[in-house]
């Protein structure tokens, strides 16, 4: 049997929202595959669990001053050389194209598989078309989390040849006694960065108000609140919904919130592969989502496990909320199809796709 290739992961953070939880999940399944793989973590920002050993660069070199950044880059370069690393799995966004050109050619100049988690390609270095071929040079592979993103890159940048697609992974947590969520009412769930402009939670609250489901004592629970979300409190108050719209921070026992919801809703401007839809369906809870770029249409099968709503059509979203909240038969049908619909995101399937792509064996 051939020896495994030396691999290292690189990421900014594993704390916060869906992107960071996904990095933690992917590193976790790779750690089970090969315990020798390590994660180079740029910031001292660990909120999600992973079995992968972490080299915390901020603890080593301090916060992001100019000098500490130089030390981090030198450490990464020397780490790759000292450990004979052959493959880098890069989970960073890339908002500074000129810096990425330098890194690709002088620091991360080995075979690299760069993940693209969003259809907002500017966040991954695609803003400057002249520099793209130098950022994603002959050593670089682009791994998109949805077919939609991969197709978009291939169409807009046909000169890039190493463009692949592998879905995000969802690993169902081991069964244990679920903590209660303490709600004694029916509710619709949103889970994500409540203050993120692309999530359009303000318009979701308005659609919820216009749907009149609150008149049947069906509440709206928003998971992902932080201190920047106070304007949404004021919006709910202005609509006389302050007792029906609930703002909670991210929860460690999030499965129980999915499990007890009537359904989960997403009305983003754009996504990559929205994990909240996968997590909801894995808990056998149906979903309603805009058919936005990118990802929902690869998760939601309309009228099978949920509803796909015309992109950015809030009138249609309002109608969908009202109809599904009052249709017990349809909810039950969607629920029966939910779990099977997310089997393609299982750790077994995703690890198989990754190991095939980078040509490594157990």
Protein backbone atom coordinates (compact mmCIF):
# COMPACT_ATOMS: atom_id res chain seq x y z
CA UNK A 1 0.00 0.00 0.00
CA UNK A 2 1.26 3.44 -0.89
CA UNK A 3 1.96 5.78 2.04
CA UNK A 4 -0.52 8.58 2.54
CA UNK A 5 0.32 11.96 1.09
CA UNK A 6 1.20 14.61 3.66
CA UNK A 7 -1.76 16.96 4.01
CA UNK A 8 -2.41 20.13 5.99
CA UNK A 9 -5.52 22.29 6.38
CA UNK A 10 -5.45 26.09 6.56
CA UNK A 11 -8.33 28.23 7.89
CA UNK A 12 -8.97 31.56 9.58
CA UNK A 13 -11.50 30.40 12.18
CA UNK A 14 -13.69 27.55 13.38
CA UNK A 15 -16.11 29.67 15.37
CA UNK A 16 -19.22 31.57 14.31
CA UNK A 17 -21.59 30.59 11.52
CA UNK A 18 -22.19 27.98 8.86
CA UNK A 19 -18.84 28.34 7.08
CA UNK A 20 -16.86 27.83 10.26
CA UNK A 21 -18.99 24.90 11.42
CA UNK A 22 -18.44 23.32 8.01
CA UNK A 23 -14.66 23.68 8.28
CA UNK A 24 -14.81 22.03 11.70
CA UNK A 25 -16.95 19.18 10.34
CA UNK A 26 -14.67 18.56 7.34
CA UNK A 27 -11.48 18.60 9.41
CA UNK A 28 -13.16 16.24 11.87
CA UNK A 29 -13.88 13.55 9.27
CA UNK A 30 -10.36 13.95 7.81
CA UNK A 31 -8.91 13.51 11.32
CA UNK A 32 -10.66 10.14 11.58
CA UNK A 33 -9.25 9.21 8.17
CA UNK A 34 -5.66 10.27 8.99
CA UNK A 35 -4.79 11.39 12.56
CA UNK A 36 -1.49 12.89 11.33
CA UNK A 37 -3.23 15.75 9.48
CA UNK A 38 -3.10 19.11 11.26
CA UNK A 39 -5.06 22.35 10.98
CA UNK A 40 -3.15 25.63 10.75
CA UNK A 41 -5.56 28.10 12.33
CA UNK A 42 -4.83 31.78 11.63
CA UNK A 43 -6.93 33.26 14.47
CA UNK A 44 -7.41 32.10 18.04
CA UNK A 45 -11.06 31.48 17.31
CA UNK A 46 -12.28 28.00 18.21
CA UNK A 47 -15.99 27.51 18.83
CA UNK A 48 -16.74 24.21 17.08
CA UNK A 49 -15.26 20.83 17.90
CA UNK A 50 -12.85 18.94 15.67
CA UNK A 51 -10.66 15.94 16.38
CA UNK A 52 -7.95 17.37 14.13
CA UNK A 53 -4.88 18.71 16.00
CA UNK A 54 -4.77 22.51 15.78
CA UNK A 55 -1.70 24.69 15.43
CA UNK A 56 -2.99 28.04 16.72
CA UNK A 57 -0.99 30.72 14.92
CA UNK A 58 -2.42 33.61 16.92
CA UNK A 59 -1.34 31.98 20.17
CA UNK A 60 2.13 31.52 18.70
CA UNK A 61 2.60 34.94 17.13
CA UNK A 62 -0.05 37.26 18.53
CA UNK A 63 -2.92 39.16 16.96
CA UNK A 64 -2.87 40.46 13.40
CA UNK A 65 -0.25 43.19 13.50
CA UNK A 66 1.92 43.59 10.42
CA UNK A 67 4.82 41.83 12.17
CA UNK A 68 2.70 38.93 13.43
CA UNK A 69 1.30 38.37 9.91
CA UNK A 70 4.84 38.15 8.50
CA UNK A 71 5.77 35.65 11.21
CA UNK A 72 2.68 33.56 10.46
CA UNK A 73 3.44 33.46 6.74
CA UNK A 74 7.04 32.45 7.41
CA UNK A 75 5.91 29.76 9.82
CA UNK A 76 3.47 28.32 7.26
CA UNK A 77 6.14 28.31 4.55
CA UNK A 78 8.66 26.59 6.84
CA UNK A 79 6.02 24.16 8.15
CA UNK A 80 5.24 23.02 4.60
CA UNK A 81 8.92 22.54 3.80
CA UNK A 82 9.91 20.95 7.13
CA UNK A 83 7.05 18.45 7.09
CA UNK A 84 7.26 17.66 3.36
CA UNK A 85 3.63 18.66 2.94
CA UNK A 86 2.35 17.69 -0.50
CA UNK A 87 -1.26 18.89 -0.31
CA UNK A 88 -2.82 21.99 1.22
CA UNK A 89 -6.61 22.16 1.73
CA UNK A 90 -7.22 25.89 1.91
CA UNK A 91 -10.47 26.96 3.59
CA UNK A 92 -9.79 30.72 3.58
CA UNK A 93 -11.71 33.45 1.80
CA UNK A 94 -9.48 35.63 -0.40
CA UNK A 95 -10.42 39.31 -0.31
CA UNK A 96 -6.95 40.73 -1.16
CA UNK A 97 -6.03 39.49 -4.64
CA UNK A 98 -2.48 40.88 -4.75
CA UNK A 99 -1.69 39.21 -1.42
CA UNK A 100 -3.09 35.93 -2.77
CA UNK A 101 -0.83 36.16 -5.83
CA UNK A 102 2.15 36.46 -3.49
CA UNK A 103 0.97 33.60 -1.28
CA UNK A 104 0.22 31.28 -4.21
CA UNK A 105 3.65 31.74 -5.72
CA UNK A 106 5.94 32.09 -2.70
CA UNK A 107 4.26 30.67 0.43
CA UNK A 108 1.53 28.21 -0.57
CA UNK A 109 3.34 27.04 -3.70
CA UNK A 110 2.34 23.38 -3.49
CA UNK A 111 -0.67 21.47 -4.77
CA UNK A 112 -3.59 23.31 -3.17
CA UNK A 113 -7.31 22.58 -3.07
CA UNK A 114 -9.06 25.90 -2.38
CA UNK A 115 -12.64 25.72 -1.17
CA UNK A 116 -15.23 28.20 -2.49
CA UNK A 117 -18.17 28.33 -0.09
CA UNK A 118 -20.21 31.17 -1.57
CA UNK A 119 -21.61 32.37 -4.87
CA UNK A 120 -20.17 35.78 -3.92
CA UNK A 121 -16.99 35.09 -5.89
CA UNK A 122 -15.39 38.43 -5.00
CA UNK A 123 -14.77 36.99 -1.53
CA UNK A 124 -12.55 34.33 -3.11
CA UNK A 125 -10.27 36.50 -5.23
CA UNK A 126 -12.32 36.59 -8.43
CA UNK A 127 -12.87 40.36 -8.42
CA UNK A 128 -9.71 41.07 -10.41
CA UNK A 129 -9.92 38.96 -13.57
CA UNK A 130 -6.33 39.74 -14.54
CA UNK A 131 -4.98 38.24 -11.30
CA UNK A 132 -7.14 35.10 -11.26
CA UNK A 133 -4.73 33.02 -13.34
CA UNK A 134 -1.92 34.00 -10.94
CA UNK A 135 -3.93 33.23 -7.80
CA UNK A 136 -5.26 29.92 -9.11
CA UNK A 137 -2.12 28.90 -10.95
CA UNK A 138 -1.12 25.45 -12.20
CA UNK A 139 -0.73 24.16 -8.62
CA UNK A 140 -4.22 25.22 -7.57
CA UNK A 141 -7.54 23.39 -7.69
CA UNK A 142 -10.86 25.09 -6.94
CA UNK A 143 -13.36 22.99 -4.98
CA UNK A 144 -16.88 24.43 -5.03
CA UNK A 145 -19.50 23.39 -2.49
CA UNK A 146 -22.30 23.37 -5.07
CA UNK A 147 -22.69 22.65 -8.79
CA UNK A 148 -24.14 26.12 -9.20
CA UNK A 149 -20.89 27.78 -8.01
CA UNK A 150 -18.75 25.47 -10.15
CA UNK A 151 -20.84 26.23 -13.24
CA UNK A 152 -20.61 29.96 -12.56
CA UNK A 153 -16.80 29.86 -12.33
CA UNK A 154 -16.46 27.72 -15.46
CA UNK A 155 -18.68 30.12 -17.39
CA UNK A 156 -17.04 33.35 -16.23
CA UNK A 157 -13.45 32.05 -16.15
CA UNK A 158 -13.19 29.36 -18.87
CA UNK A 159 -9.38 29.44 -18.73
CA UNK A 160 -9.46 27.86 -15.25
CA UNK A 161 -9.22 24.12 -15.79
CA UNK A 162 -9.09 22.61 -12.28
CA UNK A 163 -12.62 23.39 -11.09
CA UNK A 164 -14.35 20.68 -9.08
CA UNK A 165 -17.48 20.25 -6.97
CA UNK A 166 -17.84 18.52 -3.61
CA UNK A 167 -20.76 19.18 -1.29
CA UNK A 168 -20.42 20.25 2.33
CA UNK A 169 -20.61 17.47 4.88
CA UNK A 170 -23.32 16.97 7.44
CA UNK A 171 -22.65 14.55 10.27
CA UNK A 172 -25.59 13.70 12.46
CA UNK A 173 -24.54 13.96 16.09
CA UNK A 174 -24.67 10.83 18.22
CA UNK A 175 -28.06 10.32 19.78
CA UNK A 176 -28.29 11.65 23.29
CA UNK A 177 -30.85 13.07 25.62
CA UNK A 178 -31.92 16.35 23.99
CA UNK A 179 -32.10 19.44 26.16
CA UNK A 180 -35.51 21.09 25.92
CA UNK A 181 -35.85 24.34 24.01
CA UNK A 182 -38.42 25.51 26.57
CA UNK A 183 -40.96 26.60 23.94
CA UNK A 184 -44.58 25.62 24.52
CA UNK A 185 -45.81 27.04 21.21
CA UNK A 186 -45.56 26.19 17.52
CA UNK A 187 -42.86 28.09 15.63
CA UNK A 188 -41.15 28.69 12.30
CA UNK A 189 -37.34 28.66 12.50
CA UNK A 190 -34.56 30.73 10.95
CA UNK A 191 -30.96 29.78 11.74
CA UNK A 192 -28.01 31.86 10.55
CA UNK A 193 -26.33 35.23 10.95
CA UNK A 194 -29.37 37.29 11.86
CA UNK A 195 -27.55 40.58 11.20
CA UNK A 196 -26.11 39.48 7.83
CA UNK A 197 -27.52 41.77 5.14
CA UNK A 198 -27.61 38.96 2.60
CA UNK A 199 -29.89 36.94 4.92
CA UNK A 200 -32.64 39.61 4.73
CA UNK A 201 -34.08 38.80 8.15
CA UNK A 202 -35.85 42.18 8.24
CA UNK A 203 -37.87 41.17 5.18
CA UNK A 204 -38.49 37.74 6.69
CA UNK A 205 -40.04 39.38 9.76
CA UNK A 206 -42.25 41.48 7.48
CA UNK A 207 -43.30 38.41 5.47
CA UNK A 208 -44.11 36.60 8.70
CA UNK A 209 -46.23 39.58 9.79
CA UNK A 210 -48.03 39.72 6.45
CA UNK A 211 -48.71 35.97 6.45
CA UNK A 212 -50.90 36.38 9.56
CA UNK A 213 -49.77 32.99 10.92
CA UNK A 214 -49.08 34.78 14.20
CA UNK A 215 -52.86 35.05 14.61
CA UNK A 216 -52.83 31.27 15.06
CA UNK A 217 -50.16 31.66 17.77
CA UNK A 218 -47.39 30.39 15.46
CA UNK A 219 -44.17 32.17 16.48
CA UNK A 220 -40.95 33.01 14.60
CA UNK A 221 -37.67 31.94 16.24
CA UNK A 222 -34.46 33.52 14.96
CA UNK A 223 -31.23 31.72 15.94
CA UNK A 224 -28.02 33.66 15.38
CA UNK A 225 -28.70 36.92 17.22
CA UNK A 226 -25.82 39.18 18.26
CA UNK A 227 -25.43 42.72 19.52
CA UNK A 228 -25.68 44.13 15.99
CA UNK A 229 -29.26 42.87 15.62
CA UNK A 230 -31.11 45.39 17.81
CA UNK A 231 -32.70 47.15 14.84
CA UNK A 232 -34.59 43.91 14.16
CA UNK A 233 -36.00 44.01 17.68
CA UNK A 234 -37.32 47.47 16.90
CA UNK A 235 -38.85 46.23 13.65
CA UNK A 236 -40.67 43.41 15.45
CA UNK A 237 -41.86 45.87 18.06
CA UNK A 238 -43.15 48.29 15.42
CA UNK A 239 -45.22 45.43 13.94
CA UNK A 240 -46.61 44.54 17.39
CA UNK A 241 -44.82 41.20 17.23
CA UNK A 242 -42.33 41.60 20.07
CA UNK A 243 -43.94 38.69 21.96
CA UNK A 244 -44.04 36.44 18.89
CA UNK A 245 -40.59 36.98 17.33
CA UNK A 246 -37.80 35.47 19.44
CA UNK A 247 -34.10 36.36 19.09
CA UNK A 248 -31.58 33.81 20.37
CA UNK A 249 -27.81 33.48 19.96
CA UNK A 250 -26.36 30.38 18.31
CA UNK A 251 -27.22 27.30 20.38
CA UNK A 252 -25.07 24.29 21.24
CA UNK A 253 -28.20 22.11 21.25
CA UNK A 254 -29.38 23.40 17.87
CA UNK A 255 -30.82 20.04 16.78
CA UNK A 256 -33.65 20.35 19.28
CA UNK A 257 -34.69 23.68 17.73
CA UNK A 258 -34.81 22.11 14.28
CA UNK A 259 -36.57 19.00 15.56
CA UNK A 260 -39.38 20.95 17.23
CA UNK A 261 -39.92 23.55 14.51
CA UNK A 262 -42.80 23.31 12.06
CA UNK A 263 -40.35 24.15 9.28
CA UNK A 264 -37.20 26.18 8.63
CA UNK A 265 -37.13 29.21 6.32
CA UNK A 266 -34.33 30.84 4.29
CA UNK A 267 -34.69 34.01 2.20
CA UNK A 268 -31.10 34.98 1.37
CA UNK A 269 -29.92 37.09 -1.56
CA UNK A 270 -27.24 34.47 -2.20
CA UNK A 271 -25.72 31.39 -0.60
CA UNK A 272 -23.13 28.72 -1.39
CA UNK A 273 -24.64 25.57 0.04
CA UNK A 274 -26.84 26.62 2.97
CA UNK A 275 -26.19 24.20 5.81
CA UNK A 276 -29.28 25.35 7.71
CA UNK A 277 -31.44 23.62 5.08
CA UNK A 278 -29.42 20.40 5.31
CA UNK A 279 -29.43 20.46 9.12
CA UNK A 280 -33.17 21.02 9.20
CA UNK A 281 -33.91 18.16 6.81
CA UNK A 282 -31.53 15.87 8.71
CA UNK A 283 -33.75 16.52 11.72
CA UNK A 284 -36.80 15.62 9.57
CA UNK A 285 -38.04 19.20 9.54
CA UNK A 286 -39.25 20.56 6.15
CA UNK A 287 -37.91 23.79 4.66
CA UNK A 288 -38.98 26.82 2.65
CA UNK A 289 -36.26 28.62 0.69
CA UNK A 290 -35.79 31.14 -2.06
CA UNK A 291 -34.34 29.53 -5.18
CA UNK A 292 -31.38 31.88 -4.87
CA UNK A 293 -27.86 31.34 -6.16
CA UNK A 294 -26.38 29.07 -5.05
CA UNK A 295 -27.34 25.80 -3.37
CA UNK A 296 -31.00 25.66 -2.33
CA UNK A 297 -32.13 23.96 -5.54
CA UNK A 298 -29.52 21.23 -4.91
CA UNK A 299 -31.00 20.57 -1.45
CA UNK A 300 -34.73 21.32 -1.72
CA UNK A 301 -36.89 19.26 -4.02
CA UNK A 302 -39.97 21.40 -4.49
CA UNK A 303 -43.12 19.84 -3.06
CA UNK A 304 -41.15 16.78 -1.93
CA UNK A 305 -39.10 17.82 1.12
CA UNK A 306 -40.10 21.48 1.15
CA UNK A 307 -40.92 24.49 -0.98
CA UNK A 308 -38.67 26.40 -3.38
CA UNK A 309 -39.93 29.95 -3.80
CA UNK A 310 -39.17 32.17 -6.79
CA UNK A 311 -35.97 34.05 -6.00
CA UNK A 312 -36.56 37.33 -4.12
CA UNK A 313 -40.33 37.10 -4.45
CA UNK A 314 -41.37 38.06 -0.92
CA UNK A 315 -45.06 38.06 -1.82
CA UNK A 316 -44.76 34.41 -2.80
CA UNK A 317 -42.73 33.71 0.34
CA UNK A 318 -45.51 35.24 2.46
CA UNK A 319 -48.07 32.97 0.79
CA UNK A 320 -45.81 29.92 1.24
CA UNK A 321 -45.44 30.64 4.98
CA UNK A 322 -49.20 30.93 5.41
CA UNK A 323 -50.01 27.84 3.36
CA UNK A 324 -47.44 25.45 4.83
CA UNK A 325 -48.10 26.54 8.42
CA UNK A 326 -51.74 25.52 8.04
CA UNK A 327 -51.34 22.35 5.95
CA UNK A 328 -50.65 19.47 8.33
CA UNK A 329 -50.90 16.86 5.57
CA UNK A 330 -48.28 18.54 3.39
CA UNK A 331 -45.97 19.08 6.39
CA UNK A 332 -46.23 15.39 7.22
CA UNK A 333 -45.45 14.39 3.62
CA UNK A 334 -42.41 16.68 3.45
CA UNK A 335 -41.25 15.35 6.82
CA UNK A 336 -41.40 11.75 5.59
CA UNK A 337 -39.05 12.59 2.70
CA UNK A 338 -36.64 14.83 4.59
CA UNK A 339 -34.03 12.43 5.96
CA UNK A 340 -33.45 10.45 2.76
CA UNK A 341 -33.02 13.69 0.79
CA UNK A 342 -29.78 14.59 2.61
CA UNK A 343 -27.98 11.24 2.40
CA UNK A 344 -25.66 12.64 -0.28
CA UNK A 345 -24.15 15.00 2.32
CA UNK A 346 -23.10 12.18 4.68
CA UNK A 347 -19.47 11.91 5.93
CA UNK A 348 -18.97 8.65 4.01
CA UNK A 349 -19.99 10.21 0.70
CA UNK A 350 -18.07 13.46 1.19
CA UNK A 351 -14.85 11.83 2.39
CA UNK A 352 -15.02 9.46 -0.58
CA UNK A 353 -15.33 12.44 -2.94
CA UNK A 354 -12.37 14.24 -1.34
CA UNK A 355 -10.05 11.24 -1.24
CA UNK A 356 -10.86 10.45 -4.86
CA UNK A 357 -10.13 14.03 -5.90
CA UNK A 358 -6.76 14.24 -4.16
CA UNK A 359 -5.81 10.64 -4.97
CA UNK A 360 -5.19 9.28 -1.49
CA UNK A 361 -6.00 5.89 -0.05
CA UNK A 362 -6.85 4.65 3.43
